Amino acid sequence: MGRYDCNTEHFQKVSVCGIRCEFSDVRIDRSTVPEEKYQYEVAGDDDSGGDLARVRPGIMVNFFDTLISDQPLPVENDGVLWLGDGDFVWL
């Protein structure tokens, strides 16, 4: 599976921990994301229940989507933002 150009993809609006983000269900090529933007990837849960579980700068397993934001998300020191109830909201 390849990566797609940020400038040609269609994005939906979401909120992650109260921060507005652009959402795409494909992997975005980092080199196409403007320097002032932050890029993250979201993984689903390991049980394949479809629940969103974690956000990181890159996801290898259970990839769900790519997020682009104007400000950094509150990622922990281990590089992961664990999602709880209400942390991911479709706008």
C-alpha atoms as a PDB file:
ATOM      1  CA  MET A   1       0.000   0.000   0.000  1.00  0.00           C
ATOM      2  CA  GLY A   2       1.380   3.372  -0.967  1.00  0.00           C
ATOM      3  CA  ARG A   3       1.110   6.760   0.628  1.00  0.00           C
ATOM      4  CA  TYR A   4      -0.968   9.597  -0.779  1.00  0.00           C
ATOM      5  CA  ASP A   5      -0.387  13.300  -1.374  1.00  0.00           C
ATOM      6  CA  CYS A   6      -1.839  15.538   1.354  1.00  0.00           C
ATOM      7  CA  ASN A   7      -2.668  18.178  -1.254  1.00  0.00           C
ATOM      8  CA  THR A   8      -4.907  15.920  -3.338  1.00  0.00           C
ATOM      9  CA  GLU A   9      -6.735  13.940  -0.645  1.00  0.00           C
ATOM     10  CA  HIS A  10     -10.203  14.755   0.685  1.00  0.00           C
ATOM     11  CA  PHE A  11     -10.269  15.241   4.469  1.00  0.00           C
ATOM     12  CA  GLN A  12     -13.065  15.166   7.023  1.00  0.00           C
ATOM     13  CA  LYS A  13     -13.103  17.252  10.219  1.00  0.00           C
ATOM     14  CA  VAL A  14     -12.642  15.569  13.588  1.00  0.00           C
ATOM     15  CA  SER A  15     -11.682  16.616  17.092  1.00  0.00           C
ATOM     16  CA  VAL A  16      -9.070  14.683  19.053  1.00  0.00           C
ATOM     17  CA  CYS A  17      -8.837  15.623  22.732  1.00  0.00           C
ATOM     18  CA  GLY A  18     -10.469  18.941  21.844  1.00  0.00           C
ATOM     19  CA  ILE A  19      -8.030  19.729  19.005  1.00  0.00           C
ATOM     20  CA  ARG A  20      -9.474  20.130  15.507  1.00  0.00           C
ATOM     21  CA  CYS A  21      -7.851  17.817  12.975  1.00  0.00           C
ATOM     22  CA  GLU A  22      -8.186  16.829   9.352  1.00  0.00           C
ATOM     23  CA  PHE A  23      -8.944  13.111   8.942  1.00  0.00           C
ATOM     24  CA  SER A  24      -8.168  10.819   6.002  1.00  0.00           C
ATOM     25  CA  ASP A  25      -8.558   7.041   5.916  1.00  0.00           C
ATOM     26  CA  VAL A  26      -5.377   6.623   3.837  1.00  0.00           C
ATOM     27  CA  ARG A  27      -1.710   6.917   4.725  1.00  0.00           C
ATOM     28  CA  ILE A  28      -0.387  10.361   3.831  1.00  0.00           C
ATOM     29  CA  ASP A  29       3.164  10.926   2.554  1.00  0.00           C
ATOM     30  CA  ARG A  30       4.866  13.125   5.186  1.00  0.00           C
ATOM     31  CA  SER A  31       6.816  14.998   2.536  1.00  0.00           C
ATOM     32  CA  THR A  32       3.518  16.419   1.194  1.00  0.00           C
ATOM     33  CA  VAL A  33       2.350  17.800   4.576  1.00  0.00           C
ATOM     34  CA  PRO A  34       3.138  21.498   5.151  1.00  0.00           C
ATOM     35  CA  GLU A  35       5.985  22.035   7.645  1.00  0.00           C
ATOM     36  CA  GLU A  36       3.779  23.970  10.086  1.00  0.00           C
ATOM     37  CA  LYS A  37       1.314  21.040  10.380  1.00  0.00           C
ATOM     38  CA  TYR A  38       1.491  17.983  12.634  1.00  0.00           C
ATOM     39  CA  GLN A  39       0.845  14.504  11.256  1.00  0.00           C
ATOM     40  CA  TYR A  40      -0.266  11.478  13.250  1.00  0.00           C
ATOM     41  CA  GLU A  41      -1.697   8.062  12.511  1.00  0.00           C
ATOM     42  CA  VAL A  42      -4.455   6.327  14.443  1.00  0.00           C
ATOM     43  CA  ALA A  43      -4.706   2.612  15.224  1.00  0.00           C
ATOM     44  CA  GLY A  44      -7.763   0.564  15.990  1.00  0.00           C
ATOM     45  CA  ASP A  45      -7.939  -1.745  18.977  1.00  0.00           C
ATOM     46  CA  ASP A  46      -6.145  -5.093  18.930  1.00  0.00           C
ATOM     47  CA  ASP A  47      -9.452  -6.971  19.266  1.00  0.00           C
ATOM     48  CA  SER A  48     -10.551  -5.788  15.789  1.00  0.00           C
ATOM     49  CA  GLY A  49     -13.671  -4.333  17.339  1.00  0.00           C
ATOM     50  CA  GLY A  50     -13.300  -1.164  15.292  1.00  0.00           C
ATOM     51  CA  ASP A  51     -12.688   1.048  18.310  1.00  0.00           C
ATOM     52  CA  LEU A  52      -9.969   3.662  17.957  1.00  0.00           C
ATOM     53  CA  ALA A  53      -7.264   2.986  20.501  1.00  0.00           C
ATOM     54  CA  ARG A  54      -4.101   5.033  20.051  1.00  0.00           C
ATOM     55  CA  VAL A  55      -2.445   7.878  18.146  1.00  0.00           C
ATOM     56  CA  ARG A  56       1.250   7.983  17.240  1.00  0.00           C
ATOM     57  CA  PRO A  57       3.430   9.722  14.674  1.00  0.00           C
ATOM     58  CA  GLY A  58       3.426   6.397  12.791  1.00  0.00           C
ATOM     59  CA  ILE A  59       1.365   3.206  13.086  1.00  0.00           C
ATOM     60  CA  MET A  60       2.456  -0.173  11.754  1.00  0.00           C
ATOM     61  CA  VAL A  61      -0.356  -2.456  12.980  1.00  0.00           C
ATOM     62  CA  ASN A  62      -4.139  -1.836  12.910  1.00  0.00           C
ATOM     63  CA  PHE A  63      -3.818   1.406  10.911  1.00  0.00           C
ATOM     64  CA  PHE A  64      -7.139   3.278  10.851  1.00  0.00           C
ATOM     65  CA  ASP A  65      -6.450   6.806   9.592  1.00  0.00           C
ATOM     66  CA  THR A  66      -4.148   9.790   9.287  1.00  0.00           C
ATOM     67  CA  LEU A  67      -4.648  13.007  11.240  1.00  0.00           C
ATOM     68  CA  ILE A  68      -3.254  16.419  10.293  1.00  0.00           C
ATOM     69  CA  SER A  69      -3.491  19.253  12.843  1.00  0.00           C
ATOM     70  CA  ASP A  70      -2.341  22.833  13.351  1.00  0.00           C
ATOM     71  CA  GLN A  71      -1.139  22.102  16.875  1.00  0.00           C
ATOM     72  CA  PRO A  72       0.430  19.084  18.553  1.00  0.00           C
ATOM     73  CA  LEU A  73      -1.770  16.459  20.150  1.00  0.00           C
ATOM     74  CA  PRO A  74      -1.113  15.593  23.829  1.00  0.00           C
ATOM     75  CA  VAL A  75       1.089  12.579  23.100  1.00  0.00           C
ATOM     76  CA  GLU A  76       2.668  10.982  26.188  1.00  0.00           C
ATOM     77  CA  ASN A  77       6.416  10.615  26.747  1.00  0.00           C
ATOM     78  CA  ASP A  78       6.270   7.122  25.227  1.00  0.00           C
ATOM     79  CA  GLY A  79       5.077   8.675  21.952  1.00  0.00           C
ATOM     80  CA  VAL A  80       1.507   7.395  22.272  1.00  0.00           C
ATOM     81  CA  LEU A  81      -1.806   9.135  22.887  1.00  0.00           C
ATOM     82  CA  TRP A  82      -4.229   6.536  24.246  1.00  0.00           C
ATOM     83  CA  LEU A  83      -7.802   7.385  23.262  1.00  0.00           C
ATOM     84  CA  GLY A  84     -10.588   7.200  25.798  1.00  0.00           C
ATOM     85  CA  ASP A  85     -14.333   7.727  25.524  1.00  0.00           C
ATOM     86  CA  GLY A  86     -15.077  11.069  23.863  1.00  0.00           C
ATOM     87  CA  ASP A  87     -11.468  11.773  22.823  1.00  0.00           C
ATOM     88  CA  PHE A  88     -12.237  11.257  19.098  1.00  0.00           C
ATOM     89  CA  VAL A  89     -15.276  13.147  17.786  1.00  0.00           C
ATOM     90  CA  TRP A  90     -16.539  13.495  14.206  1.00  0.00           C
ATOM     91  CA  LEU A  91     -17.370  17.123  13.427  1.00  0.00           C
END
